[in-house]
């Protein structure tokens, strides 16, 4: 793990423990850290905290105050933090189910969501179940039991439904319709690749590794290679190319 991130996560756990005390029963690095794909300067730091019981408004606000970037500077683009009750983490539910959510960082818009009901539908409600599935497979335990014990995986039916929701959400995002390179198209392609690899092979990979797995499966390499290269400064694919790839993935996920 990147040393700056390792030190930051250790400090984050100490601060979270100071607010939650013994009610903090788990802390886990998720996202790119969990998938061994953290890229300094590009990646976020994703963290899931697990608490024994529901948090009241006072402790939610105290936790946000202790962990926001102004109080604990994040060495990455930003921190994406989600807090779950222990029973929700172990339930395998596809619902968001979080206690509080915090996005904060020098290069990330500040955002707090105090309950799932405040989460706008148009922002997607599929993220949380998918993130907990990733945590079940490979979450890095900072505190508490192994992530595979702390987080239940989704059922195959719920997994497929959330992946379909995610793919349709990505397809609804605006991309240029012309043939010029479209910033963000590389993430659309590689995000879709990760979804398909999870369905085909039963494992979560980083976006880059998922793209390469599909190439090994026989998918055309050119678009995926250009999408990977775009992450380090190369030109991204065009919007129509990304859309065609996403629709092909969606059709296979829907078909099972």
Protein backbone atom coordinates (compact mmCIF):
# COMPACT_ATOMS: atom_id res chain seq x y z
CA UNK A 1 0.00 0.00 0.00
CA UNK A 2 1.17 3.55 -0.71
CA UNK A 3 2.86 4.74 2.50
CA UNK A 4 1.03 8.07 2.61
CA UNK A 5 -2.28 6.25 2.26
CA UNK A 6 -1.29 3.69 4.88
CA UNK A 7 -0.48 6.46 7.37
CA UNK A 8 -3.70 8.28 6.51
CA UNK A 9 -5.84 5.19 7.05
CA UNK A 10 -4.22 4.54 10.41
CA UNK A 11 -4.98 8.12 11.48
CA UNK A 12 -8.53 7.84 10.18
CA UNK A 13 -9.20 4.76 12.32
CA UNK A 14 -7.84 6.51 15.40
CA UNK A 15 -10.12 9.50 14.82
CA UNK A 16 -13.14 7.34 14.10
CA UNK A 17 -12.50 5.36 17.28
CA UNK A 18 -12.30 8.61 19.26
CA UNK A 19 -15.82 9.51 18.08
CA UNK A 20 -17.50 6.10 18.09
CA UNK A 21 -15.61 4.30 20.87
CA UNK A 22 -16.45 0.61 21.19
CA UNK A 23 -19.33 1.04 18.73
CA UNK A 24 -16.70 1.06 15.96
CA UNK A 25 -16.38 -2.66 15.23
CA UNK A 26 -14.71 -2.58 11.82
CA UNK A 27 -12.83 -0.37 9.37
CA UNK A 28 -11.99 -1.46 5.84
CA UNK A 29 -10.16 -0.05 2.84
CA UNK A 30 -12.29 -0.57 -0.25
CA UNK A 31 -12.20 0.50 -3.90
CA UNK A 32 -8.83 0.71 -5.63
CA UNK A 33 -6.91 -0.14 -2.43
CA UNK A 34 -8.93 -3.34 -2.00
CA UNK A 35 -8.36 -4.26 -5.65
CA UNK A 36 -4.60 -3.51 -5.53
CA UNK A 37 -5.09 -0.75 -8.10
CA UNK A 38 -4.42 2.44 -6.17
CA UNK A 39 -2.78 5.10 -8.38
CA UNK A 40 -1.25 8.12 -6.58
CA UNK A 41 -2.64 11.31 -8.02
CA UNK A 42 -5.61 9.61 -9.67
CA UNK A 43 -7.35 7.29 -7.22
CA UNK A 44 -9.65 8.08 -4.34
CA UNK A 45 -9.34 6.48 -0.92
CA UNK A 46 -12.48 4.44 -0.25
CA UNK A 47 -13.25 3.43 3.33
CA UNK A 48 -16.14 1.55 4.93
CA UNK A 49 -16.68 1.78 8.66
CA UNK A 50 -18.88 -0.70 10.52
CA UNK A 51 -20.68 0.32 13.71
CA UNK A 52 -22.49 -1.88 16.20
CA UNK A 53 -25.74 0.11 16.19
CA UNK A 54 -27.45 3.04 14.50
CA UNK A 55 -25.76 6.42 14.89
CA UNK A 56 -27.64 9.42 16.18
CA UNK A 57 -27.31 12.79 14.45
CA UNK A 58 -24.78 14.07 16.95
CA UNK A 59 -22.32 11.25 16.38
CA UNK A 60 -22.79 11.41 12.62
CA UNK A 61 -21.89 15.10 12.67
CA UNK A 62 -18.97 14.53 15.02
CA UNK A 63 -17.61 11.80 12.74
CA UNK A 64 -17.90 14.00 9.66
CA UNK A 65 -16.19 16.84 11.53
CA UNK A 66 -13.31 14.59 12.57
CA UNK A 67 -12.74 13.01 9.14
CA UNK A 68 -13.39 15.76 6.62
CA UNK A 69 -10.36 16.92 4.65
CA UNK A 70 -10.00 20.16 6.59
CA UNK A 71 -9.53 18.18 9.81
CA UNK A 72 -7.61 15.20 8.41
CA UNK A 73 -5.99 16.00 5.03
CA UNK A 74 -6.41 13.19 2.52
CA UNK A 75 -3.28 12.43 0.46
CA UNK A 76 -5.36 11.20 -2.49
CA UNK A 77 -7.87 12.98 -4.73
CA UNK A 78 -10.30 12.59 -1.89
CA UNK A 79 -11.94 10.31 0.66
CA UNK A 80 -15.15 8.43 -0.05
CA UNK A 81 -16.38 7.16 3.31
CA UNK A 82 -19.49 5.10 4.03
CA UNK A 83 -20.61 3.93 7.47
CA UNK A 84 -22.77 0.82 7.85
CA UNK A 85 -24.39 -0.88 10.81
CA UNK A 86 -23.01 -4.36 11.41
CA UNK A 87 -26.34 -6.03 10.62
CA UNK A 88 -26.58 -4.23 7.27
CA UNK A 89 -23.01 -5.15 6.32
CA UNK A 90 -23.76 -8.82 7.03
CA UNK A 91 -27.20 -8.87 5.39
CA UNK A 92 -26.31 -9.06 1.69
CA UNK A 93 -29.03 -6.51 0.95
CA UNK A 94 -28.94 -4.62 -2.37
CA UNK A 95 -30.28 -1.50 -0.65
CA UNK A 96 -27.95 1.40 0.24
CA UNK A 97 -28.49 0.89 3.97
CA UNK A 98 -25.79 3.31 5.15
CA UNK A 99 -25.70 5.44 8.29
CA UNK A 100 -23.80 8.38 6.82
CA UNK A 101 -21.75 9.02 3.69
CA UNK A 102 -18.92 11.55 3.28
CA UNK A 103 -17.02 12.71 0.20
CA UNK A 104 -14.19 15.12 0.98
CA UNK A 105 -10.82 16.07 -0.43
CA UNK A 106 -8.67 18.71 -2.05
CA UNK A 107 -9.87 17.67 -5.52
CA UNK A 108 -13.31 16.30 -4.64
CA UNK A 109 -16.53 18.25 -4.04
CA UNK A 110 -17.55 18.10 -0.39
CA UNK A 111 -20.72 16.12 0.14
CA UNK A 112 -22.46 14.56 3.12
CA UNK A 113 -25.52 12.31 2.91
CA UNK A 114 -27.03 11.78 6.33
CA UNK A 115 -29.34 8.87 5.42
CA UNK A 116 -30.21 6.70 2.40
CA UNK A 117 -33.49 8.57 1.94
CA UNK A 118 -31.54 11.73 1.13
CA UNK A 119 -29.62 10.04 -1.69
CA UNK A 120 -31.00 11.40 -5.02
CA UNK A 121 -32.25 8.60 -7.24
CA UNK A 122 -30.54 10.16 -10.25
CA UNK A 123 -27.15 9.76 -8.51
CA UNK A 124 -27.59 6.00 -8.41
CA UNK A 125 -28.51 3.76 -5.50
CA UNK A 126 -26.65 0.71 -6.83
CA UNK A 127 -23.18 1.78 -5.63
CA UNK A 128 -23.50 0.52 -2.06
CA UNK A 129 -24.50 -3.08 -2.68
CA UNK A 130 -21.78 -3.39 -5.32
CA UNK A 131 -19.19 -1.81 -3.02
CA UNK A 132 -20.09 -4.25 -0.25
CA UNK A 133 -19.71 -7.11 -2.72
CA UNK A 134 -16.20 -5.85 -3.54
CA UNK A 135 -15.48 -5.54 0.18
CA UNK A 136 -16.63 -9.14 0.74
CA UNK A 137 -14.14 -10.33 -1.87
CA UNK A 138 -11.12 -8.20 -1.10
CA UNK A 139 -11.64 -5.51 1.50
CA UNK A 140 -8.50 -4.67 3.47
CA UNK A 141 -9.23 -4.90 7.19
CA UNK A 142 -7.87 -1.97 9.20
CA UNK A 143 -9.87 -2.91 12.29
CA UNK A 144 -12.17 -5.81 13.08
CA UNK A 145 -12.74 -9.24 11.52
CA UNK A 146 -11.74 -10.13 7.95
CA UNK A 147 -13.84 -8.32 5.36
CA UNK A 148 -15.28 -11.60 4.07
CA UNK A 149 -16.86 -12.09 7.51
CA UNK A 150 -17.92 -8.49 8.02
CA UNK A 151 -19.64 -8.10 4.62
CA UNK A 152 -21.99 -10.56 2.93
CA UNK A 153 -22.02 -10.86 -0.83
CA UNK A 154 -25.08 -10.21 -2.97
CA UNK A 155 -27.26 -12.99 -4.31
CA UNK A 156 -26.73 -13.65 -8.05
CA UNK A 157 -30.14 -12.13 -8.81
CA UNK A 158 -29.47 -8.96 -6.84
CA UNK A 159 -25.95 -8.67 -8.25
CA UNK A 160 -27.21 -8.84 -11.83
CA UNK A 161 -29.96 -6.30 -11.11
CA UNK A 162 -27.52 -3.80 -9.62
CA UNK A 163 -25.05 -4.27 -12.48
CA UNK A 164 -27.86 -3.59 -14.97
CA UNK A 165 -28.80 -0.46 -13.02
CA UNK A 166 -25.18 0.67 -13.02
CA UNK A 167 -24.71 0.08 -16.74
CA UNK A 168 -27.90 1.96 -17.57
CA UNK A 169 -26.79 4.82 -15.31
CA UNK A 170 -23.47 5.06 -17.13
CA UNK A 171 -25.24 4.95 -20.49
CA UNK A 172 -27.40 7.90 -19.44
CA UNK A 173 -24.38 10.13 -18.76
CA UNK A 174 -23.67 12.65 -21.53
CA UNK A 175 -20.84 11.95 -23.96
CA UNK A 176 -20.03 13.76 -27.22
CA UNK A 177 -21.70 12.18 -30.22
CA UNK A 178 -18.89 12.87 -32.70
CA UNK A 179 -15.79 10.85 -33.49
CA UNK A 180 -13.42 13.03 -31.46
CA UNK A 181 -11.88 11.67 -28.24
CA UNK A 182 -14.34 12.04 -25.36
CA UNK A 183 -12.90 12.59 -21.87
CA UNK A 184 -14.46 10.06 -19.50
CA UNK A 185 -15.17 7.52 -22.24
CA UNK A 186 -12.29 5.38 -20.98
CA UNK A 187 -13.96 4.99 -17.59
CA UNK A 188 -17.26 4.11 -19.29
CA UNK A 189 -15.52 1.33 -21.21
CA UNK A 190 -13.45 -0.06 -18.36
CA UNK A 191 -16.28 0.22 -15.82
CA UNK A 192 -18.46 -1.85 -18.14
CA UNK A 193 -15.61 -4.33 -18.55
CA UNK A 194 -15.40 -4.79 -14.78
CA UNK A 195 -19.13 -5.49 -14.58
CA UNK A 196 -18.94 -8.13 -17.30
CA UNK A 197 -15.90 -9.83 -15.77
CA UNK A 198 -17.79 -10.11 -12.47
CA UNK A 199 -20.66 -11.84 -14.25
CA UNK A 200 -18.48 -14.07 -16.42
CA UNK A 201 -15.76 -15.01 -13.96
CA UNK A 202 -17.28 -14.38 -10.55
CA UNK A 203 -14.60 -12.00 -9.31
CA UNK A 204 -14.06 -8.29 -9.00
CA UNK A 205 -11.01 -6.88 -10.73
CA UNK A 206 -9.71 -3.36 -11.13
CA UNK A 207 -10.94 -1.58 -14.24
CA UNK A 208 -7.62 -2.04 -16.02
CA UNK A 209 -7.30 -5.72 -15.10
CA UNK A 210 -10.93 -6.31 -16.11
CA UNK A 211 -10.29 -4.79 -19.52
CA UNK A 212 -7.30 -7.05 -20.01
CA UNK A 213 -9.32 -10.08 -18.90
CA UNK A 214 -11.89 -9.36 -21.62
CA UNK A 215 -9.09 -9.10 -24.18
CA UNK A 216 -7.95 -12.54 -23.01
CA UNK A 217 -11.55 -13.69 -23.45
CA UNK A 218 -11.39 -12.65 -27.10
CA UNK A 219 -12.92 -9.16 -27.07
CA UNK A 220 -11.25 -6.73 -29.52
CA UNK A 221 -8.14 -5.28 -27.90
CA UNK A 222 -7.96 -1.91 -29.64
CA UNK A 223 -10.72 -0.08 -27.75
CA UNK A 224 -9.70 -1.53 -24.39
CA UNK A 225 -6.02 -0.78 -24.96
CA UNK A 226 -6.83 2.84 -25.84
CA UNK A 227 -9.04 3.12 -22.76
CA UNK A 228 -6.22 1.86 -20.54
CA UNK A 229 -3.71 4.22 -22.19
CA UNK A 230 -6.07 7.16 -21.69
CA UNK A 231 -5.66 6.79 -17.93
CA UNK A 232 -2.02 7.85 -18.27
CA UNK A 233 -2.47 10.65 -20.80
CA UNK A 234 -3.40 8.98 -24.06
CA UNK A 235 -6.46 10.08 -26.06
CA UNK A 236 -9.70 8.49 -24.83
CA UNK A 237 -12.13 6.67 -27.15
CA UNK A 238 -14.97 8.53 -28.79
CA UNK A 239 -18.43 8.68 -27.26
CA UNK A 240 -20.03 6.39 -29.88
CA UNK A 241 -17.30 3.77 -29.37
CA UNK A 242 -17.85 3.78 -25.63
CA UNK A 243 -21.63 3.60 -26.01
CA UNK A 244 -21.44 0.64 -28.40
CA UNK A 245 -19.19 -1.22 -25.97
CA UNK A 246 -21.46 -0.48 -23.00
CA UNK A 247 -24.55 -1.63 -24.88
CA UNK A 248 -22.83 -4.88 -25.85
CA UNK A 249 -21.92 -5.50 -22.21
CA UNK A 250 -25.42 -4.63 -21.03
CA UNK A 251 -26.96 -7.04 -23.53
CA UNK A 252 -24.77 -9.90 -22.27
CA UNK A 253 -25.49 -9.13 -18.60
CA UNK A 254 -29.22 -9.00 -19.31
CA UNK A 255 -29.07 -12.25 -21.26
CA UNK A 256 -27.26 -14.00 -18.43
